[in-house]
C-alpha atoms as a PDB file:
ATOM      1  CA  MET A   1      -6.842 -15.585 -19.585  1.00  0.00           C
ATOM      2  CA  LYS A   2      -9.529 -14.680 -21.743  1.00  0.00           C
ATOM      3  CA  ASN A   3     -10.585 -11.038 -22.807  1.00  0.00           C
ATOM      4  CA  ILE A   4     -14.131 -10.343 -21.490  1.00  0.00           C
ATOM      5  CA  ASP A   5     -14.933  -8.647 -25.095  1.00  0.00           C
ATOM      6  CA  ALA A   6     -13.297  -7.474 -28.055  1.00  0.00           C
ATOM      7  CA  ASP A   7     -12.911  -3.861 -26.484  1.00  0.00           C
ATOM      8  CA  CYS A   8     -10.994  -4.746 -23.710  1.00  0.00           C
ATOM      9  CA  LEU A   9      -7.222  -3.144 -23.444  1.00  0.00           C
ATOM     10  CA  LEU A  10      -6.461  -4.348 -20.338  1.00  0.00           C
ATOM     11  CA  GLU A  11      -7.594  -7.314 -17.911  1.00  0.00           C
ATOM     12  CA  ILE A  12      -5.972  -8.323 -14.475  1.00  0.00           C
ATOM     13  CA  GLU A  13      -6.625 -11.381 -13.209  1.00  0.00           C
ATOM     14  CA  ASN A  14      -6.138 -12.370  -9.610  1.00  0.00           C
ATOM     15  CA  LEU A  15      -3.260  -9.983  -9.351  1.00  0.00           C
ATOM     16  CA  LYS A  16      -1.201 -10.000  -6.079  1.00  0.00           C
ATOM     17  CA  VAL A  17       1.876  -8.188  -4.969  1.00  0.00           C
ATOM     18  CA  HIS A  18       3.351  -8.948  -1.814  1.00  0.00           C
ATOM     19  CA  PHE A  19       6.407  -7.431  -0.254  1.00  0.00           C
ATOM     20  CA  SER A  20       8.679  -9.253   2.461  1.00  0.00           C
ATOM     21  CA  SER A  21       9.180  -7.753   5.864  1.00  0.00           C
ATOM     22  CA  LYS A  22      11.939  -9.227   7.648  1.00  0.00           C
ATOM     23  CA  GLY A  23      11.048 -11.211  10.718  1.00  0.00           C
ATOM     24  CA  HIS A  24       6.927 -10.167  10.337  1.00  0.00           C
ATOM     25  CA  THR A  25       4.336 -11.590   8.203  1.00  0.00           C
ATOM     26  CA  PRO A  26       4.765 -10.627   4.486  1.00  0.00           C
ATOM     27  CA  ILE A  27       2.810  -6.904   3.398  1.00  0.00           C
ATOM     28  CA  ARG A  28      -0.047  -7.840   0.955  1.00  0.00           C
ATOM     29  CA  ALA A  29       0.033  -4.688  -0.886  1.00  0.00           C
ATOM     30  CA  VAL A  30      -2.462  -6.030  -3.617  1.00  0.00           C
ATOM     31  CA  ASP A  31      -4.291  -9.357  -2.588  1.00  0.00           C
ATOM     32  CA  GLY A  32      -6.223 -11.115  -5.528  1.00  0.00           C
ATOM     33  CA  VAL A  33      -7.477  -8.145  -7.729  1.00  0.00           C
ATOM     34  CA  SER A  34      -9.244  -8.503 -10.769  1.00  0.00           C
ATOM     35  CA  PHE A  35     -10.806  -5.936 -13.447  1.00  0.00           C
ATOM     36  CA  ALA A  36     -10.816  -5.223 -17.054  1.00  0.00           C
ATOM     37  CA  ILE A  37     -10.692  -1.588 -18.829  1.00  0.00           C
ATOM     38  CA  ARG A  38     -11.930  -1.297 -22.217  1.00  0.00           C
ATOM     39  CA  ARG A  39     -10.299   0.724 -24.710  1.00  0.00           C
ATOM     40  CA  GLY A  40     -10.778   4.272 -24.910  1.00  0.00           C
ATOM     41  CA  SER A  41     -12.549   4.359 -21.286  1.00  0.00           C
ATOM     42  CA  THR A  42     -11.250   5.870 -18.217  1.00  0.00           C
ATOM     43  CA  VAL A  43     -11.296   3.415 -15.092  1.00  0.00           C
ATOM     44  CA  GLY A  44     -11.036   5.280 -11.746  1.00  0.00           C
ATOM     45  CA  LEU A  45      -9.068   3.478  -9.049  1.00  0.00           C
ATOM     46  CA  VAL A  46      -9.842   5.137  -5.929  1.00  0.00           C
ATOM     47  CA  GLY A  47      -8.649   4.520  -2.261  1.00  0.00           C
ATOM     48  CA  GLU A  48      -7.164   6.047   0.958  1.00  0.00           C
ATOM     49  CA  SER A  49      -3.445   5.950   1.311  1.00  0.00           C
ATOM     50  CA  GLY A  50      -2.046   2.271   1.843  1.00  0.00           C
ATOM     51  CA  SER A  51      -4.633   0.652  -0.006  1.00  0.00           C
ATOM     52  CA  GLY A  52      -2.611  -0.678  -2.526  1.00  0.00           C
ATOM     53  CA  LYS A  53      -4.093   1.311  -5.761  1.00  0.00           C
ATOM     54  CA  THR A  54      -0.625   2.646  -6.628  1.00  0.00           C
ATOM     55  CA  THR A  55       0.862  -0.731  -6.147  1.00  0.00           C
ATOM     56  CA  ILE A  56      -1.316  -1.974  -9.237  1.00  0.00           C
ATOM     57  CA  GLY A  57      -0.117   0.993 -11.545  1.00  0.00           C
ATOM     58  CA  ARG A  58       3.144   0.162 -10.575  1.00  0.00           C
ATOM     59  CA  ALA A  59       2.733  -3.814 -11.398  1.00  0.00           C
ATOM     60  CA  ILE A  60       1.524  -2.912 -14.766  1.00  0.00           C
ATOM     61  CA  VAL A  61       4.640  -1.013 -15.642  1.00  0.00           C
ATOM     62  CA  ARG A  62       6.613  -3.494 -13.803  1.00  0.00           C
ATOM     63  CA  LEU A  63       8.055  -1.181 -11.473  1.00  0.00           C
ATOM     64  CA  SER A  64       6.747  -3.681  -8.842  1.00  0.00           C
ATOM     65  CA  HIS A  65       7.197  -7.276  -9.217  1.00  0.00           C
ATOM     66  CA  LEU A  66       4.275  -9.427  -9.201  1.00  0.00           C
ATOM     67  CA  THR A  67       3.743 -12.199  -6.693  1.00  0.00           C
ATOM     68  CA  ALA A  68       0.868 -13.990  -8.537  1.00  0.00           C
ATOM     69  CA  GLY A  69      -1.594 -13.436 -11.261  1.00  0.00           C
ATOM     70  CA  GLY A  70      -1.622 -12.067 -14.698  1.00  0.00           C
ATOM     71  CA  ILE A  71      -2.016  -9.257 -16.832  1.00  0.00           C
ATOM     72  CA  CYS A  72      -3.410  -9.424 -20.478  1.00  0.00           C
ATOM     73  CA  TYR A  73      -2.816  -6.383 -23.212  1.00  0.00           C
ATOM     74  CA  ALA A  74      -4.927  -6.327 -26.069  1.00  0.00           C
ATOM     75  CA  GLY A  75      -5.337 -10.230 -25.889  1.00  0.00           C
ATOM     76  CA  ARG A  76      -2.165 -11.230 -25.110  1.00  0.00           C
ATOM     77  CA  GLU A  77      -0.458 -12.383 -21.640  1.00  0.00           C
ATOM     78  CA  ILE A  78       2.276  -9.922 -20.834  1.00  0.00           C
ATOM     79  CA  SER A  79       2.881 -10.358 -17.151  1.00  0.00           C
ATOM     80  CA  SER A  80       5.362 -13.607 -17.687  1.00  0.00           C
ATOM     81  CA  LEU A  81       7.265 -12.400 -20.505  1.00  0.00           C
ATOM     82  CA  PRO A  82      11.010 -11.984 -20.463  1.00  0.00           C
ATOM     83  CA  GLU A  83      12.006  -8.328 -20.517  1.00  0.00           C
ATOM     84  CA  ARG A  84      12.962  -8.405 -24.260  1.00  0.00           C
ATOM     85  CA  ASP A  85       9.652  -9.200 -25.409  1.00  0.00           C
ATOM     86  CA  PHE A  86       8.209  -6.956 -22.904  1.00  0.00           C
ATOM     87  CA  PHE A  87       9.883  -4.150 -24.250  1.00  0.00           C
ATOM     88  CA  PRO A  88       7.401  -3.070 -27.456  1.00  0.00           C
ATOM     89  CA  TYR A  89       4.827  -2.751 -24.864  1.00  0.00           C
ATOM     90  CA  ARG A  90       6.769  -0.028 -22.652  1.00  0.00           C
ATOM     91  CA  LYS A  91       5.855   2.411 -25.650  1.00  0.00           C
ATOM     92  CA  LYS A  92       1.986   1.084 -25.374  1.00  0.00           C
ATOM     93  CA  ILE A  93       1.706   1.613 -21.581  1.00  0.00           C
ATOM     94  CA  GLN A  94       3.131   4.752 -20.059  1.00  0.00           C
ATOM     95  CA  MET A  95       2.779   6.135 -16.668  1.00  0.00           C
ATOM     96  CA  VAL A  96       2.341   9.745 -15.510  1.00  0.00           C
ATOM     97  CA  PHE A  97       3.357  10.141 -11.856  1.00  0.00           C
ATOM     98  CA  GLN A  98       1.838  11.929  -8.972  1.00  0.00           C
ATOM     99  CA  ASP A  99       5.011  14.272  -8.291  1.00  0.00           C
ATOM    100  CA  ALA A 100       6.493  15.668 -11.200  1.00  0.00           C
ATOM    101  CA  SER A 101       9.348  17.154  -9.582  1.00  0.00           C
ATOM    102  CA  LEU A 102      10.651  13.738  -8.359  1.00  0.00           C
ATOM    103  CA  ALA A 103       9.992  12.166 -11.610  1.00  0.00           C
ATOM    104  CA  LEU A 104      11.726  14.909 -13.773  1.00  0.00           C
ATOM    105  CA  ASN A 105      15.595  14.814 -13.628  1.00  0.00           C
ATOM    106  CA  PRO A 106      16.362  18.488 -12.517  1.00  0.00           C
ATOM    107  CA  ARG A 107      20.071  18.239 -14.469  1.00  0.00           C
ATOM    108  CA  LEU A 108      18.186  17.720 -17.718  1.00  0.00           C
ATOM    109  CA  THR A 109      16.551  20.544 -20.033  1.00  0.00           C
ATOM    110  CA  ILE A 110      13.026  19.944 -20.921  1.00  0.00           C
ATOM    111  CA  GLU A 111      14.465  19.220 -24.603  1.00  0.00           C
ATOM    112  CA  ALA A 112      16.504  16.434 -23.118  1.00  0.00           C
ATOM    113  CA  LEU A 113      13.663  14.878 -20.606  1.00  0.00           C
ATOM    114  CA  VAL A 114      11.122  14.713 -23.117  1.00  0.00           C
ATOM    115  CA  ALA A 115      13.295  13.186 -25.955  1.00  0.00           C
ATOM    116  CA  GLU A 116      14.824  10.699 -23.645  1.00  0.00           C
ATOM    117  CA  PRO A 117      11.788   7.781 -24.722  1.00  0.00           C
ATOM    118  CA  LEU A 118      12.271   8.979 -28.140  1.00  0.00           C
ATOM    119  CA  ILE A 119      16.157   8.035 -27.960  1.00  0.00           C
ATOM    120  CA  ILE A 120      15.289   4.510 -26.547  1.00  0.00           C
ATOM    121  CA  HIS A 121      12.348   3.712 -28.620  1.00  0.00           C
ATOM    122  CA  PHE A 122      13.118   5.448 -32.019  1.00  0.00           C
ATOM    123  CA  PRO A 123      17.237   5.027 -31.910  1.00  0.00           C
ATOM    124  CA  HIS A 124      17.179   5.638 -35.700  1.00  0.00           C
ATOM    125  CA  TRP A 125      15.572   9.147 -35.750  1.00  0.00           C
ATOM    126  CA  ASP A 126      17.984  11.930 -36.257  1.00  0.00           C
ATOM    127  CA  LYS A 127      18.199  14.912 -33.842  1.00  0.00           C
ATOM    128  CA  ALA A 128      16.455  17.093 -36.049  1.00  0.00           C
ATOM    129  CA  ARG A 129      13.415  14.663 -35.885  1.00  0.00           C
ATOM    130  CA  LYS A 130      13.489  14.558 -32.393  1.00  0.00           C
ATOM    131  CA  ARG A 131      13.391  18.034 -31.436  1.00  0.00           C
ATOM    132  CA  ALA A 132      10.298  18.681 -34.061  1.00  0.00           C
ATOM    133  CA  ARG A 133       8.504  15.661 -32.016  1.00  0.00           C
ATOM    134  CA  VAL A 134       9.482  17.340 -28.777  1.00  0.00           C
ATOM    135  CA  VAL A 135       8.400  20.971 -29.660  1.00  0.00           C
ATOM    136  CA  GLU A 136       5.241  19.010 -31.188  1.00  0.00           C
ATOM    137  CA  LEU A 137       4.620  17.288 -27.867  1.00  0.00           C
ATOM    138  CA  LEU A 138       5.231  20.748 -25.732  1.00  0.00           C
ATOM    139  CA  GLU A 139       2.693  22.586 -28.004  1.00  0.00           C
ATOM    140  CA  THR A 140       0.026  19.745 -27.466  1.00  0.00           C
ATOM    141  CA  VAL A 141       0.408  20.068 -23.631  1.00  0.00           C
ATOM    142  CA  GLY A 142       0.062  23.813 -23.737  1.00  0.00           C
ATOM    143  CA  LEU A 143       3.762  24.712 -23.524  1.00  0.00           C
ATOM    144  CA  GLU A 144       6.205  26.443 -25.820  1.00  0.00           C
ATOM    145  CA  GLU A 145       9.263  25.658 -28.125  1.00  0.00           C
ATOM    146  CA  ALA A 146      10.994  28.570 -26.080  1.00  0.00           C
ATOM    147  CA  HIS A 147      10.770  26.255 -22.810  1.00  0.00           C
ATOM    148  CA  LEU A 148      13.244  23.556 -24.387  1.00  0.00           C
ATOM    149  CA  ASP A 149      16.372  24.596 -23.115  1.00  0.00           C
ATOM    150  CA  ARG A 150      14.911  25.408 -19.555  1.00  0.00           C
ATOM    151  CA  PHE A 151      15.244  23.085 -16.433  1.00  0.00           C
ATOM    152  CA  PRO A 152      12.243  21.712 -14.395  1.00  0.00           C
ATOM    153  CA  GLN A 153      12.788  23.674 -11.236  1.00  0.00           C
ATOM    154  CA  GLU A 154      12.067  26.833 -13.359  1.00  0.00           C
ATOM    155  CA  PHE A 155       8.582  25.682 -13.819  1.00  0.00           C
ATOM    156  CA  SER A 156       5.242  25.935 -11.659  1.00  0.00           C
ATOM    157  CA  GLY A 157       3.817  22.496 -10.288  1.00  0.00           C
ATOM    158  CA  GLY A 158       1.305  22.459 -12.987  1.00  0.00           C
ATOM    159  CA  GLN A 159       3.598  22.795 -15.712  1.00  0.00           C
ATOM    160  CA  ARG A 160       6.025  20.460 -14.592  1.00  0.00           C
ATOM    161  CA  GLN A 161       3.018  17.968 -14.713  1.00  0.00           C
ATOM    162  CA  ARG A 162       2.496  19.009 -18.357  1.00  0.00           C
ATOM    163  CA  ILE A 163       6.094  18.020 -19.068  1.00  0.00           C
ATOM    164  CA  GLY A 164       5.564  14.878 -17.522  1.00  0.00           C
ATOM    165  CA  ILE A 165       2.531  14.191 -19.444  1.00  0.00           C
ATOM    166  CA  ALA A 166       4.615  15.394 -22.467  1.00  0.00           C
ATOM    167  CA  ARG A 167       7.252  12.649 -22.079  1.00  0.00           C
ATOM    168  CA  ALA A 168       4.409   9.920 -21.521  1.00  0.00           C
ATOM    169  CA  LEU A 169       2.869  10.602 -24.835  1.00  0.00           C
ATOM    170  CA  ALA A 170       6.285  11.011 -26.514  1.00  0.00           C
ATOM    171  CA  VAL A 171       6.156   7.277 -27.746  1.00  0.00           C
ATOM    172  CA  GLU A 172       2.344   7.449 -28.649  1.00  0.00           C
ATOM    173  CA  PRO A 173       1.091   4.988 -25.895  1.00  0.00           C
ATOM    174  CA  GLU A 174      -2.263   3.578 -25.936  1.00  0.00           C
ATOM    175  CA  LEU A 175      -2.591   3.009 -22.145  1.00  0.00           C
ATOM    176  CA  LEU A 176      -2.218   5.772 -19.597  1.00  0.00           C
ATOM    177  CA  ILE A 177      -1.540   5.065 -16.031  1.00  0.00           C
ATOM    178  CA  CYS A 178      -1.956   8.449 -14.141  1.00  0.00           C
ATOM    179  CA  ASP A 179      -0.955   7.851 -10.805  1.00  0.00           C
ATOM    180  CA  GLU A 180      -2.459  11.062  -8.281  1.00  0.00           C
ATOM    181  CA  PRO A 181      -1.691  13.248 -11.480  1.00  0.00           C
ATOM    182  CA  VAL A 182      -3.194  16.334  -9.846  1.00  0.00           C
ATOM    183  CA  SER A 183      -3.039  15.525  -5.896  1.00  0.00           C
ATOM    184  CA  ALA A 184      -0.097  17.877  -5.645  1.00  0.00           C
ATOM    185  CA  LEU A 185      -1.635  20.785  -7.248  1.00  0.00           C
ATOM    186  CA  ASP A 186      -4.014  23.818  -6.200  1.00  0.00           C
ATOM    187  CA  VAL A 187      -7.722  23.153  -7.338  1.00  0.00           C
ATOM    188  CA  SER A 188      -7.915  25.716 -10.087  1.00  0.00           C
ATOM    189  CA  VAL A 189      -4.339  23.868 -11.481  1.00  0.00           C
ATOM    190  CA  GLN A 190      -5.887  20.533 -10.957  1.00  0.00           C
ATOM    191  CA  ALA A 191      -8.789  21.278 -12.984  1.00  0.00           C
ATOM    192  CA  GLN A 192      -6.517  22.606 -16.036  1.00  0.00           C
ATOM    193  CA  ILE A 193      -4.681  19.437 -16.133  1.00  0.00           C
ATOM    194  CA  ILE A 194      -7.711  17.355 -15.907  1.00  0.00           C
ATOM    195  CA  ASN A 195      -8.839  19.302 -18.846  1.00  0.00           C
ATOM    196  CA  LEU A 196      -6.128  18.829 -20.584  1.00  0.00           C
ATOM    197  CA  LEU A 197      -5.972  15.213 -19.916  1.00  0.00           C
ATOM    198  CA  MET A 198      -9.799  14.580 -20.923  1.00  0.00           C
ATOM    199  CA  ASP A 199      -8.806  16.647 -24.497  1.00  0.00           C
ATOM    200  CA  LEU A 200      -5.684  14.314 -25.155  1.00  0.00           C
ATOM    201  CA  GLN A 201      -8.122  11.175 -24.279  1.00  0.00           C
ATOM    202  CA  GLU A 202     -10.484  12.546 -27.279  1.00  0.00           C
ATOM    203  CA  LYS A 203      -7.979  13.685 -29.519  1.00  0.00           C
ATOM    204  CA  LEU A 204      -5.556  10.901 -29.194  1.00  0.00           C
ATOM    205  CA  GLY A 205      -8.093   7.764 -28.310  1.00  0.00           C
ATOM    206  CA  LEU A 206      -5.969   7.409 -25.084  1.00  0.00           C
ATOM    207  CA  THR A 207      -7.097   4.507 -22.233  1.00  0.00           C
ATOM    208  CA  TYR A 208      -6.743   5.632 -18.501  1.00  0.00           C
ATOM    209  CA  LEU A 209      -6.278   3.829 -15.502  1.00  0.00           C
ATOM    210  CA  PHE A 210      -6.690   7.032 -13.120  1.00  0.00           C
ATOM    211  CA  ILE A 211      -5.684   6.564  -9.540  1.00  0.00           C
ATOM    212  CA  SER A 212      -6.730   8.982  -6.872  1.00  0.00           C
ATOM    213  CA  HIS A 213      -7.652   9.193  -3.157  1.00  0.00           C
ATOM    214  CA  ASP A 214      -9.891  12.228  -4.324  1.00  0.00           C
ATOM    215  CA  LEU A 215     -13.463  11.559  -4.832  1.00  0.00           C
ATOM    216  CA  ALA A 216     -14.518  14.575  -6.344  1.00  0.00           C
ATOM    217  CA  VAL A 217     -11.559  13.955  -9.029  1.00  0.00           C
ATOM    218  CA  ILE A 218     -12.558  10.379  -9.584  1.00  0.00           C
ATOM    219  CA  GLU A 219     -16.536  11.410 -10.138  1.00  0.00           C
ATOM    220  CA  HIS A 220     -15.462  13.696 -12.717  1.00  0.00           C
ATOM    221  CA  VAL A 221     -13.066  11.869 -15.039  1.00  0.00           C
ATOM    222  CA  SER A 222     -13.988   8.017 -14.744  1.00  0.00           C
ATOM    223  CA  GLU A 223     -16.915   6.051 -16.515  1.00  0.00           C
ATOM    224  CA  TYR A 224     -16.037   3.214 -14.595  1.00  0.00           C
ATOM    225  CA  VAL A 225     -15.078   2.966 -10.845  1.00  0.00           C
ATOM    226  CA  LEU A 226     -13.162   0.534  -8.725  1.00  0.00           C
ATOM    227  CA  VAL A 227     -12.701   1.210  -4.679  1.00  0.00           C
ATOM    228  CA  MET A 228      -9.863  -0.633  -3.039  1.00  0.00           C
ATOM    229  CA  ALA A 229      -9.337  -1.084   0.590  1.00  0.00           C
ATOM    230  CA  ASP A 230      -6.579  -3.443   2.311  1.00  0.00           C
ATOM    231  CA  GLY A 231      -5.031  -4.996  -1.152  1.00  0.00           C
ATOM    232  CA  LYS A 232      -8.365  -5.879  -2.326  1.00  0.00           C
ATOM    233  CA  ILE A 233     -11.091  -4.144  -4.662  1.00  0.00           C
ATOM    234  CA  VAL A 234     -13.959  -4.213  -2.344  1.00  0.00           C
ATOM    235  CA  GLU A 235     -16.732  -2.627  -4.905  1.00  0.00           C
ATOM    236  CA  GLN A 236     -16.874  -1.707  -8.576  1.00  0.00           C
ATOM    237  CA  ALA A 237     -19.359  -0.243 -10.933  1.00  0.00           C
ATOM    238  CA  PRO A 238     -20.341   2.609 -13.359  1.00  0.00           C
ATOM    239  CA  ALA A 239     -19.719   5.969 -11.878  1.00  0.00           C
ATOM    240  CA  ASP A 240     -22.852   7.247 -11.789  1.00  0.00           C
ATOM    241  CA  GLU A 241     -24.020   3.651  -9.449  1.00  0.00           C
ATOM    242  CA  ILE A 242     -20.954   4.064  -7.222  1.00  0.00           C
ATOM    243  CA  TYR A 243     -21.619   7.554  -6.208  1.00  0.00           C
ATOM    244  CA  ALA A 244     -25.578   7.410  -6.116  1.00  0.00           C
ATOM    245  CA  LYS A 245     -26.221   3.841  -4.546  1.00  0.00           C
ATOM    246  CA  PRO A 246     -22.936   2.465  -2.793  1.00  0.00           C
ATOM    247  CA  LYS A 247     -23.399  -1.077  -1.711  1.00  0.00           C
ATOM    248  CA  HIS A 248     -20.045  -1.837   0.276  1.00  0.00           C
ATOM    249  CA  ASP A 249     -19.710  -0.174   3.974  1.00  0.00           C
ATOM    250  CA  TYR A 250     -16.473   1.118   2.811  1.00  0.00           C
ATOM    251  CA  THR A 251     -17.388   2.919  -0.054  1.00  0.00           C
ATOM    252  CA  LYS A 252     -20.191   4.298   2.082  1.00  0.00           C
ATOM    253  CA  LYS A 253     -17.711   5.497   4.792  1.00  0.00           C
ATOM    254  CA  LEU A 254     -15.511   7.204   2.091  1.00  0.00           C
ATOM    255  CA  LEU A 255     -18.322   8.859   0.604  1.00  0.00           C
ATOM    256  CA  ALA A 256     -19.680  10.085   3.799  1.00  0.00           C
ATOM    257  CA  SER A 257     -16.547  11.360   5.128  1.00  0.00           C
ATOM    258  CA  ALA A 258     -15.579  13.344   1.696  1.00  0.00           C
ATOM    259  CA  PRO A 259     -16.528  17.012   1.554  1.00  0.00           C
ATOM    260  CA  ASN A 260     -19.685  17.594  -0.106  1.00  0.00           C
ATOM    261  CA  LEU A 261     -19.227  16.554  -3.647  1.00  0.00           C
ATOM    262  CA  GLU A 262     -21.543  18.953  -5.253  1.00  0.00           C
ATOM    263  CA  GLY A 263     -19.403  21.405  -7.160  1.00  0.00           C
ATOM    264  CA  LEU A 264     -16.254  20.762  -5.415  1.00  0.00           C
ATOM    265  CA  PHE A 265     -14.467  20.211  -8.457  1.00  0.00           C
ATOM    266  CA  THR A 266     -15.615  22.014 -11.588  1.00  0.00           C
ATOM    267  CA  ILE A 267     -14.530  20.981 -15.076  1.00  0.00           C
ATOM    268  CA  GLN A 268     -14.944  24.060 -17.643  1.00  0.00           C
END
């Protein structure tokens, strides 16, 4: 694969992820998807449940096995790398999951949860340095040092998502794949988490692939939008074009069936 330009951080080419189904035709969760993400930008991936959008995110971080196609990161093909060679890219690409209550081990304290990536990727760090980094991360996402010894179930949904974000940021990634990160939260809390992610992007120079079924959220966070249906991207364009002049019938259907987006999701 060749990058579309020097600013391209991630390029997906003809990605396919098929799942076998005993006695039935394989499920084509992702079926020939191609797109690129420019460094420092936010690309929104929107579609109904079952469209395959989450599978794309999982394939990028190797939680789902690729059937075909390729993934190029900062000019290098990474999808065919053996795990030993792919390991450094696990620092560069991190994922924020939809349900933090499932993503965070309830038996571990917040300090242990956020420190876990540091133990894996920076084994030479001593305990004091790891603890200082965890405190720094908690403060970055709006939590406090006093929270270190508490457990995930002691926090609200929004706070747990902040912990998940802190954990994802621990190893200083360049790309965050945000998989429905606010869908399980109340609207007011959604706005807080979106504000946090936008502030972090500006402060840390992050690049986002933002996955959501929520057209209002995607409209506010994304510069470029990919519309997905039945394992394929049916339309992609700058966000203002998608919302003002959709071309594909499926995109028009999504917009027509959504509540009035005007003022539905307000970012302060």
